[in-house]
């Protein structure tokens, strides 16, 4: 079985480490992490993820700008992106059906079971 490749981008190393461990523990995912927004495009080009979990508020580069660069790259433009944010509550996320300006997002703090369900739904695996 081919594992789903996920790149987790967040400046909080403890969060990226926790997500990597929990997602890989399912046996469904291969996960790489990136803690510097400026390095995301290079990491994505090397790893070729199926999905990128991307923090909106990065200290060196805002998530929407990172997403813009990814979507402009001919090798990555079809990559699914799910934004991670602490700026919107879980209740607001539910009211907006997990979308910000047409893009999927997950509110922090993250429940790993809900995140896996969200990933599967986003990739059309449910």
PDB file of N, CA and C in Angstrom:
ATOM      1  N   UNK A   1       0.840  -1.184   0.000  1.00  0.00           N
ATOM      2  CA  UNK A   1       0.000   0.000   0.000  1.00  0.00           C
ATOM      3  C   UNK A   1       0.888   1.251   0.000  1.00  0.00           C
ATOM      4  N   UNK A   2       0.604   2.170  -0.882  1.00  0.00           N
ATOM      5  CA  UNK A   2       1.342   3.413  -0.958  1.00  0.00           C
ATOM      6  C   UNK A   2       0.850   4.369   0.116  1.00  0.00           C
ATOM      7  N   UNK A   3       1.783   4.942   0.842  1.00  0.00           N
ATOM      8  CA  UNK A   3       1.425   5.877   1.908  1.00  0.00           C
ATOM      9  C   UNK A   3       1.188   7.263   1.322  1.00  0.00           C
ATOM     10  N   UNK A   4       0.275   7.995   1.949  1.00  0.00           N
ATOM     11  CA  UNK A   4      -0.005   9.374   1.581  1.00  0.00           C
ATOM     12  C   UNK A   4       1.117  10.232   2.150  1.00  0.00           C
ATOM     13  N   UNK A   5       1.706  11.050   1.293  1.00  0.00           N
ATOM     14  CA  UNK A   5       2.821  11.901   1.705  1.00  0.00           C
ATOM     15  C   UNK A   5       2.297  13.266   2.140  1.00  0.00           C
ATOM     16  N   UNK A   6       2.644  13.629   3.385  1.00  0.00           N
ATOM     17  CA  UNK A   6       2.193  14.892   3.951  1.00  0.00           C
ATOM     18  C   UNK A   6       3.398  15.709   4.409  1.00  0.00           C
ATOM     19  N   UNK A   7       3.411  16.977   4.020  1.00  0.00           N
ATOM     20  CA  UNK A   7       4.404  17.928   4.508  1.00  0.00           C
ATOM     21  C   UNK A   7       3.700  18.820   5.522  1.00  0.00           C
ATOM     22  N   UNK A   8       4.206  18.823   6.765  1.00  0.00           N
ATOM     23  CA  UNK A   8       3.636  19.651   7.823  1.00  0.00           C
ATOM     24  C   UNK A   8       4.534  20.867   8.000  1.00  0.00           C
ATOM     25  N   UNK A   9       3.950  22.052   7.825  1.00  0.00           N
ATOM     26  CA  UNK A   9       4.709  23.307   7.918  1.00  0.00           C
ATOM     27  C   UNK A   9       4.130  24.147   9.043  1.00  0.00           C
ATOM     28  N   UNK A  10       4.925  24.324  10.086  1.00  0.00           N
ATOM     29  CA  UNK A  10       4.511  25.128  11.232  1.00  0.00           C
ATOM     30  C   UNK A  10       5.771  25.551  11.970  1.00  0.00           C
ATOM     31  N   UNK A  11       5.793  26.764  12.505  1.00  0.00           N
ATOM     32  CA  UNK A  11       6.969  27.232  13.225  1.00  0.00           C
ATOM     33  C   UNK A  11       7.101  26.601  14.605  1.00  0.00           C
ATOM     34  N   UNK A  12       6.061  25.963  15.113  1.00  0.00           N
ATOM     35  CA  UNK A  12       6.110  25.288  16.411  1.00  0.00           C
ATOM     36  C   UNK A  12       6.648  23.872  16.219  1.00  0.00           C
ATOM     37  N   UNK A  13       7.917  23.677  16.564  1.00  0.00           N
ATOM     38  CA  UNK A  13       8.540  22.364  16.363  1.00  0.00           C
ATOM     39  C   UNK A  13       7.828  21.268  17.140  1.00  0.00           C
ATOM     40  N   UNK A  14       7.320  21.584  18.319  1.00  0.00           N
ATOM     41  CA  UNK A  14       6.625  20.567  19.107  1.00  0.00           C
ATOM     42  C   UNK A  14       5.355  20.099  18.388  1.00  0.00           C
ATOM     43  N   UNK A  15       4.667  21.011  17.713  1.00  0.00           N
ATOM     44  CA  UNK A  15       3.458  20.650  16.972  1.00  0.00           C
ATOM     45  C   UNK A  15       3.803  19.789  15.758  1.00  0.00           C
ATOM     46  N   UNK A  16       4.816  20.200  14.992  1.00  0.00           N
ATOM     47  CA  UNK A  16       5.160  19.412  13.797  1.00  0.00           C
ATOM     48  C   UNK A  16       5.632  18.015  14.205  1.00  0.00           C
ATOM     49  N   UNK A  17       6.389  17.935  15.287  1.00  0.00           N
ATOM     50  CA  UNK A  17       6.875  16.632  15.768  1.00  0.00           C
ATOM     51  C   UNK A  17       5.698  15.747  16.201  1.00  0.00           C
ATOM     52  N   UNK A  18       4.745  16.336  16.950  1.00  0.00           N
ATOM     53  CA  UNK A  18       3.577  15.587  17.416  1.00  0.00           C
ATOM     54  C   UNK A  18       2.723  15.108  16.243  1.00  0.00           C
ATOM     55  N   UNK A  19       2.495  15.969  15.267  1.00  0.00           N
ATOM     56  CA  UNK A  19       1.701  15.579  14.106  1.00  0.00           C
ATOM     57  C   UNK A  19       2.398  14.467  13.319  1.00  0.00           C
ATOM     58  N   UNK A  20       3.706  14.592  13.134  1.00  0.00           N
ATOM     59  CA  UNK A  20       4.464  13.567  12.421  1.00  0.00           C
ATOM     60  C   UNK A  20       4.329  12.209  13.119  1.00  0.00           C
ATOM     61  N   UNK A  21       4.571  12.180  14.414  1.00  0.00           N
ATOM     62  CA  UNK A  21       4.488  10.922  15.164  1.00  0.00           C
ATOM     63  C   UNK A  21       3.090  10.313  15.102  1.00  0.00           C
ATOM     64  N   UNK A  22       2.071  11.134  15.329  1.00  0.00           N
ATOM     65  CA  UNK A  22       0.696  10.625  15.348  1.00  0.00           C
ATOM     66  C   UNK A  22       0.209  10.190  13.972  1.00  0.00           C
ATOM     67  N   UNK A  23       0.535  10.941  12.943  1.00  0.00           N
ATOM     68  CA  UNK A  23       0.099  10.560  11.590  1.00  0.00           C
ATOM     69  C   UNK A  23       0.831   9.304  11.111  1.00  0.00           C
ATOM     70  N   UNK A  24       2.141   9.251  11.343  1.00  0.00           N
ATOM     71  CA  UNK A  24       2.894   8.073  10.902  1.00  0.00           C
ATOM     72  C   UNK A  24       2.514   6.831  11.691  1.00  0.00           C
ATOM     73  N   UNK A  25       2.080   7.008  12.928  1.00  0.00           N
ATOM     74  CA  UNK A  25       1.676   5.887  13.773  1.00  0.00           C
ATOM     75  C   UNK A  25       0.482   5.132  13.185  1.00  0.00           C
ATOM     76  N   UNK A  26      -0.306   5.776  12.325  1.00  0.00           N
ATOM     77  CA  UNK A  26      -1.461   5.118  11.712  1.00  0.00           C
ATOM     78  C   UNK A  26      -1.036   4.125  10.628  1.00  0.00           C
ATOM     79  N   UNK A  27       0.181   4.291  10.106  1.00  0.00           N
ATOM     80  CA  UNK A  27       0.649   3.453   9.010  1.00  0.00           C
ATOM     81  C   UNK A  27       0.164   3.907   7.642  1.00  0.00           C
ATOM     82  N   UNK A  28      -0.654   4.962   7.585  1.00  0.00           N
ATOM     83  CA  UNK A  28      -1.220   5.462   6.334  1.00  0.00           C
ATOM     84  C   UNK A  28      -0.387   6.558   5.698  1.00  0.00           C
ATOM     85  N   UNK A  29       0.453   7.223   6.507  1.00  0.00           N
ATOM     86  CA  UNK A  29       1.098   8.446   6.063  1.00  0.00           C
ATOM     87  C   UNK A  29       2.614   8.404   6.202  1.00  0.00           C
ATOM     88  N   UNK A  30       3.276   9.063   5.259  1.00  0.00           N
ATOM     89  CA  UNK A  30       4.694   9.381   5.370  1.00  0.00           C
ATOM     90  C   UNK A  30       4.739  10.889   5.554  1.00  0.00           C
ATOM     91  N   UNK A  31       5.388  11.343   6.618  1.00  0.00           N
ATOM     92  CA  UNK A  31       5.325  12.752   6.974  1.00  0.00           C
ATOM     93  C   UNK A  31       6.724  13.357   7.061  1.00  0.00           C
ATOM     94  N   UNK A  32       6.848  14.528   6.491  1.00  0.00           N
ATOM     95  CA  UNK A  32       8.043  15.360   6.669  1.00  0.00           C
ATOM     96  C   UNK A  32       7.585  16.663   7.285  1.00  0.00           C
ATOM     97  N   UNK A  33       8.498  17.317   7.979  1.00  0.00           N
ATOM     98  CA  UNK A  33       8.150  18.574   8.629  1.00  0.00           C
ATOM     99  C   UNK A  33       9.083  19.691   8.174  1.00  0.00           C
ATOM    100  N   UNK A  34       8.557  20.899   8.255  1.00  0.00           N
ATOM    101  CA  UNK A  34       9.336  22.098   7.932  1.00  0.00           C
ATOM    102  C   UNK A  34       8.921  23.177   8.917  1.00  0.00           C
ATOM    103  N   UNK A  35       9.901  23.809   9.566  1.00  0.00           N
ATOM    104  CA  UNK A  35       9.602  24.833  10.553  1.00  0.00           C
ATOM    105  C   UNK A  35       9.947  26.246  10.090  1.00  0.00           C
ATOM    106  N   UNK A  36      10.440  26.372   8.873  1.00  0.00           N
ATOM    107  CA  UNK A  36      10.772  27.677   8.296  1.00  0.00           C
ATOM    108  C   UNK A  36       9.934  27.888   7.031  1.00  0.00           C
ATOM    109  N   UNK A  37       9.104  28.915   7.045  1.00  0.00           N
ATOM    110  CA  UNK A  37       8.250  29.187   5.893  1.00  0.00           C
ATOM    111  C   UNK A  37       9.037  29.362   4.611  1.00  0.00           C
ATOM    112  N   UNK A  38      10.178  30.025   4.705  1.00  0.00           N
ATOM    113  CA  UNK A  38      10.988  30.298   3.519  1.00  0.00           C
ATOM    114  C   UNK A  38      11.541  29.028   2.875  1.00  0.00           C
ATOM    115  N   UNK A  39      11.620  27.939   3.626  1.00  0.00           N
ATOM    116  CA  UNK A  39      12.152  26.682   3.098  1.00  0.00           C
ATOM    117  C   UNK A  39      11.071  25.740   2.563  1.00  0.00           C
ATOM    118  N   UNK A  40       9.823  26.138   2.674  1.00  0.00           N
ATOM    119  CA  UNK A  40       8.716  25.248   2.326  1.00  0.00           C
ATOM    120  C   UNK A  40       8.722  24.827   0.861  1.00  0.00           C
ATOM    121  N   UNK A  41       8.927  25.748  -0.048  1.00  0.00           N
ATOM    122  CA  UNK A  41       8.902  25.416  -1.467  1.00  0.00           C
ATOM    123  C   UNK A  41       9.977  24.384  -1.794  1.00  0.00           C
ATOM    124  N   UNK A  42      11.183  24.586  -1.295  1.00  0.00           N
ATOM    125  CA  UNK A  42      12.280  23.637  -1.533  1.00  0.00           C
ATOM    126  C   UNK A  42      11.941  22.269  -0.948  1.00  0.00           C
ATOM    127  N   UNK A  43      11.432  22.253   0.286  1.00  0.00           N
ATOM    128  CA  UNK A  43      11.051  20.984   0.923  1.00  0.00           C
ATOM    129  C   UNK A  43       9.971  20.268   0.126  1.00  0.00           C
ATOM    130  N   UNK A  44       8.993  21.028  -0.339  1.00  0.00           N
ATOM    131  CA  UNK A  44       7.900  20.439  -1.113  1.00  0.00           C
ATOM    132  C   UNK A  44       8.403  19.884  -2.449  1.00  0.00           C
ATOM    133  N   UNK A  45       9.299  20.599  -3.098  1.00  0.00           N
ATOM    134  CA  UNK A  45       9.850  20.122  -4.378  1.00  0.00           C
ATOM    135  C   UNK A  45      10.654  18.836  -4.200  1.00  0.00           C
ATOM    136  N   UNK A  46      11.371  18.715  -3.086  1.00  0.00           N
ATOM    137  CA  UNK A  46      12.146  17.505  -2.804  1.00  0.00           C
ATOM    138  C   UNK A  46      11.243  16.328  -2.436  1.00  0.00           C
ATOM    139  N   UNK A  47      10.236  16.576  -1.607  1.00  0.00           N
ATOM    140  CA  UNK A  47       9.389  15.521  -1.044  1.00  0.00           C
ATOM    141  C   UNK A  47       8.211  15.136  -1.942  1.00  0.00           C
ATOM    142  N   UNK A  48       7.699  16.072  -2.725  1.00  0.00           N
ATOM    143  CA  UNK A  48       6.530  15.852  -3.590  1.00  0.00           C
ATOM    144  C   UNK A  48       5.323  15.320  -2.789  1.00  0.00           C
ATOM    145  N   UNK A  49       4.852  16.109  -1.825  1.00  0.00           N
ATOM    146  CA  UNK A  49       3.743  15.633  -0.987  1.00  0.00           C
ATOM    147  C   UNK A  49       2.415  15.578  -1.730  1.00  0.00           C
ATOM    148  N   UNK A  50       1.527  14.724  -1.230  1.00  0.00           N
ATOM    149  CA  UNK A  50       0.149  14.687  -1.711  1.00  0.00           C
ATOM    150  C   UNK A  50      -0.648  15.829  -1.073  1.00  0.00           C
ATOM    151  N   UNK A  51      -0.201  16.240   0.107  1.00  0.00           N
ATOM    152  CA  UNK A  51      -0.924  17.230   0.898  1.00  0.00           C
ATOM    153  C   UNK A  51       0.068  18.021   1.734  1.00  0.00           C
ATOM    154  N   UNK A  52      -0.205  19.306   1.892  1.00  0.00           N
ATOM    155  CA  UNK A  52       0.590  20.154   2.775  1.00  0.00           C
ATOM    156  C   UNK A  52      -0.323  20.714   3.854  1.00  0.00           C
ATOM    157  N   UNK A  53       0.044  20.488   5.112  1.00  0.00           N
ATOM    158  CA  UNK A  53      -0.617  21.122   6.246  1.00  0.00           C
ATOM    159  C   UNK A  53       0.203  22.373   6.537  1.00  0.00           C
ATOM    160  N   UNK A  54      -0.385  23.544   6.364  1.00  0.00           N
ATOM    161  CA  UNK A  54       0.359  24.800   6.352  1.00  0.00           C
ATOM    162  C   UNK A  54      -0.180  25.798   7.366  1.00  0.00           C
ATOM    163  N   UNK A  55       0.656  26.146   8.327  1.00  0.00           N
ATOM    164  CA  UNK A  55       0.285  27.156   9.318  1.00  0.00           C
ATOM    165  C   UNK A  55       0.092  28.504   8.628  1.00  0.00           C
ATOM    166  N   UNK A  56      -0.928  29.224   9.019  1.00  0.00           N
ATOM    167  CA  UNK A  56      -1.187  30.536   8.426  1.00  0.00           C
ATOM    168  C   UNK A  56      -0.213  31.585   8.971  1.00  0.00           C
ATOM    169  N   UNK A  57       0.056  31.545  10.272  1.00  0.00           N
ATOM    170  CA  UNK A  57       0.883  32.570  10.905  1.00  0.00           C
ATOM    171  C   UNK A  57       2.291  32.036  11.164  1.00  0.00           C
ATOM    172  N   UNK A  58       3.162  32.228  10.187  1.00  0.00           N
ATOM    173  CA  UNK A  58       4.569  31.867  10.315  1.00  0.00           C
ATOM    174  C   UNK A  58       5.347  33.165  10.528  1.00  0.00           C
ATOM    175  N   UNK A  59       6.394  33.160  11.359  1.00  0.00           N
ATOM    176  CA  UNK A  59       7.106  34.405  11.634  1.00  0.00           C
ATOM    177  C   UNK A  59       7.863  34.980  10.436  1.00  0.00           C
ATOM    178  N   UNK A  60       8.346  34.127   9.550  1.00  0.00           N
ATOM    179  CA  UNK A  60       9.160  34.636   8.443  1.00  0.00           C
ATOM    180  C   UNK A  60       8.381  34.834   7.149  1.00  0.00           C
ATOM    181  N   UNK A  61       7.223  34.188   7.029  1.00  0.00           N
ATOM    182  CA  UNK A  61       6.427  34.315   5.799  1.00  0.00           C
ATOM    183  C   UNK A  61       5.007  33.829   6.081  1.00  0.00           C
ATOM    184  N   UNK A  62       4.017  34.617   5.765  1.00  0.00           N
ATOM    185  CA  UNK A  62       2.629  34.239   6.026  1.00  0.00           C
ATOM    186  C   UNK A  62       2.217  33.060   5.137  1.00  0.00           C
ATOM    187  N   UNK A  63       1.392  32.187   5.698  1.00  0.00           N
ATOM    188  CA  UNK A  63       0.995  30.963   5.005  1.00  0.00           C
ATOM    189  C   UNK A  63       0.383  31.180   3.636  1.00  0.00           C
ATOM    190  N   UNK A  64      -0.406  32.249   3.469  1.00  0.00           N
ATOM    191  CA  UNK A  64      -1.027  32.494   2.164  1.00  0.00           C
ATOM    192  C   UNK A  64       0.025  32.784   1.100  1.00  0.00           C
ATOM    193  N   UNK A  65       1.116  33.442   1.467  1.00  0.00           N
ATOM    194  CA  UNK A  65       2.203  33.717   0.508  1.00  0.00           C
ATOM    195  C   UNK A  65       2.940  32.423   0.153  1.00  0.00           C
ATOM    196  N   UNK A  66       3.113  31.563   1.151  1.00  0.00           N
ATOM    197  CA  UNK A  66       3.747  30.264   0.900  1.00  0.00           C
ATOM    198  C   UNK A  66       2.874  29.461  -0.060  1.00  0.00           C
ATOM    199  N   UNK A  67       1.578  29.441   0.202  1.00  0.00           N
ATOM    200  CA  UNK A  67       0.645  28.703  -0.659  1.00  0.00           C
ATOM    201  C   UNK A  67       0.673  29.253  -2.077  1.00  0.00           C
ATOM    202  N   UNK A  68       0.741  30.560  -2.189  1.00  0.00           N
ATOM    203  CA  UNK A  68       0.796  31.205  -3.504  1.00  0.00           C
ATOM    204  C   UNK A  68       2.016  30.710  -4.295  1.00  0.00           C
ATOM    205  N   UNK A  69       3.169  30.640  -3.642  1.00  0.00           N
ATOM    206  CA  UNK A  69       4.391  30.155  -4.306  1.00  0.00           C
ATOM    207  C   UNK A  69       4.239  28.693  -4.731  1.00  0.00           C
ATOM    208  N   UNK A  70       3.649  27.892  -3.858  1.00  0.00           N
ATOM    209  CA  UNK A  70       3.454  26.467  -4.164  1.00  0.00           C
ATOM    210  C   UNK A  70       2.539  26.312  -5.374  1.00  0.00           C
ATOM    211  N   UNK A  71       1.447  27.056  -5.368  1.00  0.00           N
ATOM    212  CA  UNK A  71       0.459  26.916  -6.439  1.00  0.00           C
ATOM    213  C   UNK A  71       0.929  27.490  -7.770  1.00  0.00           C
ATOM    214  N   UNK A  72       1.948  28.337  -7.741  1.00  0.00           N
ATOM    215  CA  UNK A  72       2.518  28.877  -8.978  1.00  0.00           C
ATOM    216  C   UNK A  72       3.561  27.936  -9.577  1.00  0.00           C
ATOM    217  N   UNK A  73       4.052  26.979  -8.787  1.00  0.00           N
ATOM    218  CA  UNK A  73       5.074  26.058  -9.272  1.00  0.00           C
ATOM    219  C   UNK A  73       4.428  24.953 -10.102  1.00  0.00           C
ATOM    220  N   UNK A  74       4.943  24.720 -11.305  1.00  0.00           N
ATOM    221  CA  UNK A  74       4.321  23.746 -12.210  1.00  0.00           C
ATOM    222  C   UNK A  74       4.334  22.323 -11.652  1.00  0.00           C
ATOM    223  N   UNK A  75       5.321  21.976 -10.809  1.00  0.00           N
ATOM    224  CA  UNK A  75       5.382  20.629 -10.240  1.00  0.00           C
ATOM    225  C   UNK A  75       4.470  20.456  -9.033  1.00  0.00           C
ATOM    226  N   UNK A  76       4.097  21.556  -8.402  1.00  0.00           N
ATOM    227  CA  UNK A  76       3.344  21.479  -7.147  1.00  0.00           C
ATOM    228  C   UNK A  76       1.929  22.044  -7.213  1.00  0.00           C
ATOM    229  N   UNK A  77       1.565  22.657  -8.318  1.00  0.00           N
ATOM    230  CA  UNK A  77       0.308  23.404  -8.365  1.00  0.00           C
ATOM    231  C   UNK A  77      -0.940  22.576  -8.072  1.00  0.00           C
ATOM    232  N   UNK A  78      -0.873  21.258  -8.223  1.00  0.00           N
ATOM    233  CA  UNK A  78      -2.033  20.419  -7.923  1.00  0.00           C
ATOM    234  C   UNK A  78      -1.996  19.839  -6.515  1.00  0.00           C
ATOM    235  N   UNK A  79      -1.021  20.253  -5.721  1.00  0.00           N
ATOM    236  CA  UNK A  79      -0.888  19.748  -4.349  1.00  0.00           C
ATOM    237  C   UNK A  79      -2.008  20.302  -3.477  1.00  0.00           C
ATOM    238  N   UNK A  80      -2.643  19.431  -2.719  1.00  0.00           N
ATOM    239  CA  UNK A  80      -3.675  19.862  -1.779  1.00  0.00           C
ATOM    240  C   UNK A  80      -3.023  20.601  -0.620  1.00  0.00           C
ATOM    241  N   UNK A  81      -3.656  21.687  -0.198  1.00  0.00           N
ATOM    242  CA  UNK A  81      -3.168  22.464   0.943  1.00  0.00           C
ATOM    243  C   UNK A  81      -4.304  22.616   1.935  1.00  0.00           C
ATOM    244  N   UNK A  82      -4.004  22.302   3.190  1.00  0.00           N
ATOM    245  CA  UNK A  82      -4.938  22.555   4.287  1.00  0.00           C
ATOM    246  C   UNK A  82      -4.225  23.514   5.234  1.00  0.00           C
ATOM    247  N   UNK A  83      -4.840  24.659   5.491  1.00  0.00           N
ATOM    248  CA  UNK A  83      -4.257  25.623   6.409  1.00  0.00           C
ATOM    249  C   UNK A  83      -4.520  25.206   7.849  1.00  0.00           C
ATOM    250  N   UNK A  84      -3.535  25.476   8.704  1.00  0.00           N
ATOM    251  CA  UNK A  84      -3.673  25.295  10.147  1.00  0.00           C
ATOM    252  C   UNK A  84      -3.738  26.691  10.753  1.00  0.00           C
ATOM    253  N   UNK A  85      -4.652  26.902  11.703  1.00  0.00           N
ATOM    254  CA  UNK A  85      -4.749  28.238  12.287  1.00  0.00           C
ATOM    255  C   UNK A  85      -5.259  28.201  13.719  1.00  0.00           C
ATOM    256  N   UNK A  86      -4.698  29.079  14.523  1.00  0.00           N
ATOM    257  CA  UNK A  86      -5.201  29.309  15.876  1.00  0.00           C
ATOM    258  C   UNK A  86      -6.052  30.580  15.893  1.00  0.00           C
ATOM    259  N   UNK A  87      -6.160  31.231  14.744  1.00  0.00           N
ATOM    260  CA  UNK A  87      -6.898  32.489  14.649  1.00  0.00           C
ATOM    261  C   UNK A  87      -8.407  32.291  14.595  1.00  0.00           C
ATOM    262  N   UNK A  88      -8.827  31.077  14.272  1.00  0.00           N
ATOM    263  CA  UNK A  88     -10.252  30.769  14.153  1.00  0.00           C
ATOM    264  C   UNK A  88     -10.562  29.601  15.076  1.00  0.00           C
ATOM    265  N   UNK A  89     -11.634  29.713  15.827  1.00  0.00           N
ATOM    266  CA  UNK A  89     -11.998  28.660  16.769  1.00  0.00           C
ATOM    267  C   UNK A  89     -12.609  27.460  16.050  1.00  0.00           C
ATOM    268  N   UNK A  90     -12.670  26.335  16.762  1.00  0.00           N
ATOM    269  CA  UNK A  90     -13.292  25.134  16.194  1.00  0.00           C
ATOM    270  C   UNK A  90     -14.760  25.405  15.841  1.00  0.00           C
ATOM    271  N   UNK A  91     -15.452  26.220  16.658  1.00  0.00           N
ATOM    272  CA  UNK A  91     -16.854  26.541  16.382  1.00  0.00           C
ATOM    273  C   UNK A  91     -16.982  27.337  15.086  1.00  0.00           C
ATOM    274  N   UNK A  92     -16.087  28.310  14.888  1.00  0.00           N
ATOM    275  CA  UNK A  92     -16.103  29.083  13.643  1.00  0.00           C
ATOM    276  C   UNK A  92     -15.783  28.179  12.455  1.00  0.00           C
ATOM    277  N   UNK A  93     -14.851  27.263  12.651  1.00  0.00           N
ATOM    278  CA  UNK A  93     -14.489  26.325  11.586  1.00  0.00           C
ATOM    279  C   UNK A  93     -15.704  25.499  11.178  1.00  0.00           C
ATOM    280  N   UNK A  94     -16.446  24.998  12.160  1.00  0.00           N
ATOM    281  CA  UNK A  94     -17.633  24.198  11.869  1.00  0.00           C
ATOM    282  C   UNK A  94     -18.687  25.028  11.130  1.00  0.00           C
ATOM    283  N   UNK A  95     -18.874  26.271  11.555  1.00  0.00           N
ATOM    284  CA  UNK A  95     -19.858  27.151  10.895  1.00  0.00           C
ATOM    285  C   UNK A  95     -19.477  27.413   9.441  1.00  0.00           C
ATOM    286  N   UNK A  96     -18.181  27.498   9.171  1.00  0.00           N
ATOM    287  CA  UNK A  96     -17.705  27.781   7.815  1.00  0.00           C
ATOM    288  C   UNK A  96     -17.372  26.515   7.033  1.00  0.00           C
ATOM    289  N   UNK A  97     -17.780  25.371   7.572  1.00  0.00           N
ATOM    290  CA  UNK A  97     -17.543  24.071   6.938  1.00  0.00           C
ATOM    291  C   UNK A  97     -16.076  23.868   6.578  1.00  0.00           C
ATOM    292  N   UNK A  98     -15.184  24.362   7.441  1.00  0.00           N
ATOM    293  CA  UNK A  98     -13.751  24.142   7.257  1.00  0.00           C
ATOM    294  C   UNK A  98     -13.131  24.866   6.084  1.00  0.00           C
ATOM    295  N   UNK A  99     -13.680  26.014   5.683  1.00  0.00           N
ATOM    296  CA  UNK A  99     -13.151  26.757   4.535  1.00  0.00           C
ATOM    297  C   UNK A  99     -12.885  28.212   4.911  1.00  0.00           C
ATOM    298  N   UNK A 100     -11.767  28.740   4.430  1.00  0.00           N
ATOM    299  CA  UNK A 100     -11.459  30.170   4.498  1.00  0.00           C
ATOM    300  C   UNK A 100     -11.202  30.593   3.064  1.00  0.00           C
ATOM    301  N   UNK A 101     -12.005  31.493   2.562  1.00  0.00           N
ATOM    302  CA  UNK A 101     -11.853  31.974   1.183  1.00  0.00           C
ATOM    303  C   UNK A 101     -11.716  30.808   0.204  1.00  0.00           C
ATOM    304  N   UNK A 102     -12.522  29.784   0.415  1.00  0.00           N
ATOM    305  CA  UNK A 102     -12.520  28.640  -0.494  1.00  0.00           C
ATOM    306  C   UNK A 102     -11.439  27.610  -0.226  1.00  0.00           C
ATOM    307  N   UNK A 103     -10.546  27.864   0.721  1.00  0.00           N
ATOM    308  CA  UNK A 103      -9.463  26.934   1.067  1.00  0.00           C
ATOM    309  C   UNK A 103      -9.806  26.204   2.357  1.00  0.00           C
ATOM    310  N   UNK A 104      -9.445  24.949   2.428  1.00  0.00           N
ATOM    311  CA  UNK A 104      -9.683  24.158   3.632  1.00  0.00           C
ATOM    312  C   UNK A 104      -8.757  24.596   4.753  1.00  0.00           C
ATOM    313  N   UNK A 105      -9.269  24.525   5.991  1.00  0.00           N
ATOM    314  CA  UNK A 105      -8.439  24.826   7.142  1.00  0.00           C
ATOM    315  C   UNK A 105      -8.877  24.003   8.340  1.00  0.00           C
ATOM    316  N   UNK A 106      -7.944  23.836   9.270  1.00  0.00           N
ATOM    317  CA  UNK A 106      -8.200  23.141  10.524  1.00  0.00           C
ATOM    318  C   UNK A 106      -7.816  24.097  11.641  1.00  0.00           C
ATOM    319  N   UNK A 107      -8.713  24.242  12.621  1.00  0.00           N
ATOM    320  CA  UNK A 107      -8.442  25.116  13.756  1.00  0.00           C
ATOM    321  C   UNK A 107      -7.584  24.398  14.788  1.00  0.00           C
ATOM    322  N   UNK A 108      -6.634  25.137  15.354  1.00  0.00           N
ATOM    323  CA  UNK A 108      -5.825  24.613  16.457  1.00  0.00           C
ATOM    324  C   UNK A 108      -6.576  24.876  17.749  1.00  0.00           C
ATOM    325  N   UNK A 109      -6.446  24.099  18.785  1.00  0.00           N
ATOM    326  CA  UNK A 109      -5.627  22.901  18.881  1.00  0.00           C
ATOM    327  C   UNK A 109      -6.203  21.770  18.036  1.00  0.00           C
ATOM    328  N   UNK A 110      -5.333  20.907  17.593  1.00  0.00           N
ATOM    329  CA  UNK A 110      -5.710  19.864  16.641  1.00  0.00           C
ATOM    330  C   UNK A 110      -5.976  18.543  17.346  1.00  0.00           C
ATOM    331  N   UNK A 111      -7.127  17.959  17.029  1.00  0.00           N
ATOM    332  CA  UNK A 111      -7.456  16.614  17.465  1.00  0.00           C
ATOM    333  C   UNK A 111      -7.020  15.683  16.332  1.00  0.00           C
ATOM    334  N   UNK A 112      -6.127  14.733  16.616  1.00  0.00           N
ATOM    335  CA  UNK A 112      -5.530  13.927  15.552  1.00  0.00           C
ATOM    336  C   UNK A 112      -6.573  13.090  14.811  1.00  0.00           C
ATOM    337  N   UNK A 113      -7.563  12.554  15.499  1.00  0.00           N
ATOM    338  CA  UNK A 113      -8.590  11.758  14.814  1.00  0.00           C
ATOM    339  C   UNK A 113      -9.403  12.624  13.850  1.00  0.00           C
ATOM    340  N   UNK A 114      -9.751  13.827  14.285  1.00  0.00           N
ATOM    341  CA  UNK A 114     -10.484  14.748  13.410  1.00  0.00           C
ATOM    342  C   UNK A 114      -9.619  15.169  12.229  1.00  0.00           C
ATOM    343  N   UNK A 115      -8.319  15.379  12.482  1.00  0.00           N
ATOM    344  CA  UNK A 115      -7.419  15.766  11.403  1.00  0.00           C
ATOM    345  C   UNK A 115      -7.313  14.663  10.357  1.00  0.00           C
ATOM    346  N   UNK A 116      -7.190  13.426  10.792  1.00  0.00           N
ATOM    347  CA  UNK A 116      -7.104  12.302   9.845  1.00  0.00           C
ATOM    348  C   UNK A 116      -8.378  12.208   9.018  1.00  0.00           C
ATOM    349  N   UNK A 117      -9.522  12.362   9.670  1.00  0.00           N
ATOM    350  CA  UNK A 117     -10.803  12.339   8.960  1.00  0.00           C
ATOM    351  C   UNK A 117     -10.859  13.476   7.930  1.00  0.00           C
ATOM    352  N   UNK A 118     -10.390  14.649   8.326  1.00  0.00           N
ATOM    353  CA  UNK A 118     -10.374  15.817   7.442  1.00  0.00           C
ATOM    354  C   UNK A 118      -9.447  15.574   6.252  1.00  0.00           C
ATOM    355  N   UNK A 119      -8.260  15.007   6.498  1.00  0.00           N
ATOM    356  CA  UNK A 119      -7.298  14.700   5.430  1.00  0.00           C
ATOM    357  C   UNK A 119      -7.908  13.721   4.439  1.00  0.00           C
ATOM    358  N   UNK A 120      -8.515  12.666   4.945  1.00  0.00           N
ATOM    359  CA  UNK A 120      -9.128  11.656   4.074  1.00  0.00           C
ATOM    360  C   UNK A 120     -10.245  12.258   3.233  1.00  0.00           C
ATOM    361  N   UNK A 121     -11.036  13.115   3.843  1.00  0.00           N
ATOM    362  CA  UNK A 121     -12.126  13.772   3.116  1.00  0.00           C
ATOM    363  C   UNK A 121     -11.548  14.707   2.044  1.00  0.00           C
ATOM    364  N   UNK A 122     -10.516  15.453   2.396  1.00  0.00           N
ATOM    365  CA  UNK A 122      -9.891  16.386   1.465  1.00  0.00           C
ATOM    366  C   UNK A 122      -9.287  15.667   0.267  1.00  0.00           C
ATOM    367  N   UNK A 123      -8.708  14.492   0.502  1.00  0.00           N
ATOM    368  CA  UNK A 123      -8.085  13.734  -0.573  1.00  0.00           C
ATOM    369  C   UNK A 123      -9.068  12.788  -1.280  1.00  0.00           C
ATOM    370  N   UNK A 124     -10.316  12.781  -0.819  1.00  0.00           N
ATOM    371  CA  UNK A 124     -11.325  11.932  -1.455  1.00  0.00           C
ATOM    372  C   UNK A 124     -11.184  10.467  -1.133  1.00  0.00           C
ATOM    373  N   UNK A 125     -10.632  10.153   0.063  1.00  0.00           N
ATOM    374  CA  UNK A 125     -10.415   8.759   0.452  1.00  0.00           C
ATOM    375  C   UNK A 125     -11.494   8.250   1.394  1.00  0.00           C
ATOM    376  N   UNK A 126     -12.616   8.957   1.526  1.00  0.00           N
ATOM    377  CA  UNK A 126     -13.687   8.458   2.396  1.00  0.00           C
ATOM    378  C   UNK A 126     -14.937   8.240   1.582  1.00  0.00           C
TER     379      UNK A 126
END
